[in-house]
Amino acid sequence: MAIASNITLTSSIRVSNPLNVTGNQDQLYRLFSNLIVNAIQYTPSGRKVTVCLGRSDHYAVIQVQDTGIGIPQPELTQIFDRFYRVNSDRSRSTGGSGLGLAIAQAIVQAHYGSLDVQSELGKGSTFTVKLPFDIRPNWGMAKEDKGNKGYK
């Protein structure tokens, strides 16, 4: 898709050791596919999309950065809403239903992570996914248990 659109797709690995994240492989594939396909669709020919892998203390940090058209600041709070499209003219040329980012957000939340966006109109967008390294839910404890460690 990137080649057909004349977009340079690159990766930047900023870790020296493998990172292990527990999760549903198919859903994580869908998450990153949605983000990368969106980046390619909204980046003009001849520009670049970069996928970066890094880490913080407790999270794998994956960023999808594009040098595309960007998202207007007032729209940023709504882009993860189901069926939301930033601009109907833009939507006609790229297709889609407005569900991709809502699905991406749901997948990230199901994996106890976060999804954030920074964007500048005309310069591009960066979507940052943070997924925890080690999740061990305490499914057996009742919420009302006064000595619980898994609930706040």
Protein backbone atom coordinates (compact mmCIF):
# COMPACT_ATOMS: atom_id res chain seq x y z
CA MET A 1 0.00 0.00 0.00
CA ALA A 2 2.82 2.42 0.88
CA ILE A 3 4.68 1.59 -2.33
CA ALA A 4 1.53 2.05 -4.44
CA SER A 5 1.01 5.44 -2.77
CA ASN A 6 4.69 6.44 -3.19
CA ILE A 7 5.08 6.77 0.58
CA THR A 8 8.25 5.77 2.39
CA LEU A 9 7.38 3.39 5.25
CA THR A 10 10.21 2.98 7.75
CA SER A 11 10.74 1.59 11.23
CA SER A 12 12.88 2.77 14.10
CA ILE A 13 13.74 0.28 16.83
CA ARG A 14 14.92 2.15 19.92
CA VAL A 15 15.48 -0.83 22.20
CA SER A 16 18.31 -3.31 22.39
CA ASN A 17 16.44 -6.17 24.08
CA PRO A 18 13.17 -7.82 23.03
CA LEU A 19 9.99 -6.45 24.60
CA ASN A 20 7.27 -8.85 25.68
CA VAL A 21 3.67 -7.73 25.84
CA THR A 22 0.89 -10.10 26.80
CA GLY A 23 -2.18 -9.85 24.63
CA ASN A 24 -4.35 -11.10 21.83
CA GLN A 25 -2.12 -11.37 18.78
CA ASP A 26 -4.95 -10.89 16.26
CA GLN A 27 -6.28 -7.83 18.04
CA LEU A 28 -2.83 -6.26 18.39
CA TYR A 29 -2.25 -6.86 14.67
CA ARG A 30 -5.58 -5.14 13.95
CA LEU A 31 -4.63 -2.21 16.20
CA PHE A 32 -1.33 -1.51 14.44
CA SER A 33 -2.76 -2.25 10.98
CA ASN A 34 -5.47 0.35 11.55
CA LEU A 35 -2.96 2.96 12.67
CA ILE A 36 -0.49 2.31 9.85
CA VAL A 37 -3.15 2.15 7.13
CA ASN A 38 -4.64 5.45 8.38
CA ALA A 39 -1.20 7.05 8.36
CA ILE A 40 -0.61 5.94 4.76
CA GLN A 41 -4.09 7.03 3.62
CA TYR A 42 -3.71 10.53 5.05
CA THR A 43 -0.13 11.10 3.89
CA PRO A 44 0.38 12.66 0.46
CA SER A 45 2.51 10.93 -2.14
CA GLY A 46 6.25 11.40 -1.70
CA ARG A 47 6.11 11.77 2.09
CA LYS A 48 6.92 9.41 4.96
CA VAL A 49 5.35 7.17 7.64
CA THR A 50 7.53 5.86 10.46
CA VAL A 51 6.75 3.20 13.05
CA CYS A 52 8.89 3.52 16.20
CA LEU A 53 9.35 0.99 18.99
CA GLY A 54 10.64 2.16 22.34
CA ARG A 55 10.02 1.62 26.01
CA SER A 56 9.38 3.40 29.26
CA ASP A 57 9.71 1.88 32.73
CA HIS A 58 6.56 -0.25 32.52
CA TYR A 59 5.39 0.04 28.93
CA ALA A 60 6.28 -0.84 25.39
CA VAL A 61 5.84 2.41 23.48
CA ILE A 62 4.90 2.20 19.81
CA GLN A 63 4.48 5.34 17.74
CA VAL A 64 3.04 5.67 14.26
CA GLN A 65 4.24 8.99 12.86
CA ASP A 66 3.22 10.46 9.54
CA THR A 67 4.06 13.59 7.59
CA GLY A 68 0.51 13.80 6.31
CA ILE A 69 -2.29 16.30 6.34
CA GLY A 70 -2.71 16.38 10.12
CA ILE A 71 -5.87 16.74 12.19
CA PRO A 72 -7.33 20.09 13.26
CA GLN A 73 -6.88 20.64 17.03
CA PRO A 74 -10.64 20.99 17.75
CA GLU A 75 -11.21 17.55 16.18
CA LEU A 76 -8.64 15.67 18.27
CA THR A 77 -11.01 15.02 21.18
CA GLN A 78 -13.52 13.31 18.88
CA ILE A 79 -11.42 11.14 16.58
CA PHE A 80 -11.77 8.06 18.80
CA ASP A 81 -15.59 8.28 18.79
CA ARG A 82 -17.41 5.62 16.79
CA PHE A 83 -18.40 6.73 13.27
CA TYR A 84 -16.65 10.09 13.66
CA ARG A 85 -15.04 11.43 10.50
CA VAL A 86 -12.87 14.54 10.64
CA ASN A 87 -14.06 15.96 7.33
CA SER A 88 -16.63 14.54 4.93
CA ASP A 89 -14.64 15.65 1.83
CA ARG A 90 -11.61 13.87 3.22
CA SER A 91 -13.73 10.80 3.95
CA ARG A 92 -14.95 10.47 0.36
CA SER A 93 -11.42 10.14 -1.00
CA THR A 94 -10.19 7.66 1.61
CA GLY A 95 -13.33 5.63 2.30
CA GLY A 96 -13.87 4.00 5.65
CA SER A 97 -16.64 4.08 8.20
CA GLY A 98 -15.12 6.09 11.01
CA LEU A 99 -14.67 2.99 13.16
CA GLY A 100 -10.93 2.34 12.80
CA LEU A 101 -9.71 4.60 15.61
CA ALA A 102 -12.60 3.62 17.90
CA ILE A 103 -11.64 -0.03 17.40
CA ALA A 104 -7.97 0.80 17.98
CA GLN A 105 -8.85 2.59 21.24
CA ALA A 106 -10.98 -0.37 22.41
CA ILE A 107 -8.16 -2.84 21.70
CA VAL A 108 -5.65 -0.72 23.60
CA GLN A 109 -8.00 -0.40 26.59
CA ALA A 110 -8.64 -4.16 26.60
CA HIS A 111 -4.87 -4.59 26.92
CA TYR A 112 -4.66 -2.08 29.81
CA GLY A 113 -2.78 0.42 27.69
CA SER A 114 -3.26 3.92 26.34
CA LEU A 115 -3.57 5.54 22.92
CA ASP A 116 -2.79 9.22 22.45
CA VAL A 117 -2.45 11.50 19.47
CA GLN A 118 -0.53 14.67 18.69
CA SER A 119 -1.15 16.40 15.42
CA GLU A 120 -0.44 19.59 13.57
CA LEU A 121 -2.51 20.54 10.57
CA GLY A 122 -0.44 20.33 7.40
CA LYS A 123 2.52 18.69 9.16
CA GLY A 124 1.27 15.28 10.29
CA SER A 125 0.21 13.18 13.24
CA THR A 126 1.79 10.88 15.80
CA PHE A 127 -0.27 8.15 17.44
CA THR A 128 1.38 6.76 20.57
CA VAL A 129 0.40 3.36 21.96
CA LYS A 130 1.59 2.31 25.41
CA LEU A 131 1.13 -1.34 26.34
CA PRO A 132 2.18 -2.68 29.75
CA PHE A 133 4.87 -5.32 29.96
CA ASP A 134 3.32 -7.46 32.65
CA ILE A 135 -0.38 -7.61 33.44
CA ARG A 136 -1.52 -10.09 36.03
CA PRO A 137 -5.14 -9.28 36.83
CA ASN A 138 -6.29 -10.30 40.25
CA TRP A 139 -9.51 -11.90 39.02
CA GLY A 140 -10.15 -13.86 42.24
CA MET A 141 -10.45 -10.92 44.64
CA ALA A 142 -13.79 -9.37 45.42
CA LYS A 143 -13.99 -5.59 45.04
CA GLU A 144 -15.28 -5.20 48.54
CA ASP A 145 -12.34 -7.10 50.05
CA LYS A 146 -10.74 -4.55 52.39
CA GLY A 147 -7.30 -6.11 52.00
CA ASN A 148 -7.38 -6.09 48.24
CA LYS A 149 -4.35 -5.13 46.22
CA GLY A 150 -5.90 -5.05 42.76
CA TYR A 151 -8.62 -2.42 43.17
CA LYS A 152 -8.69 1.21 44.16
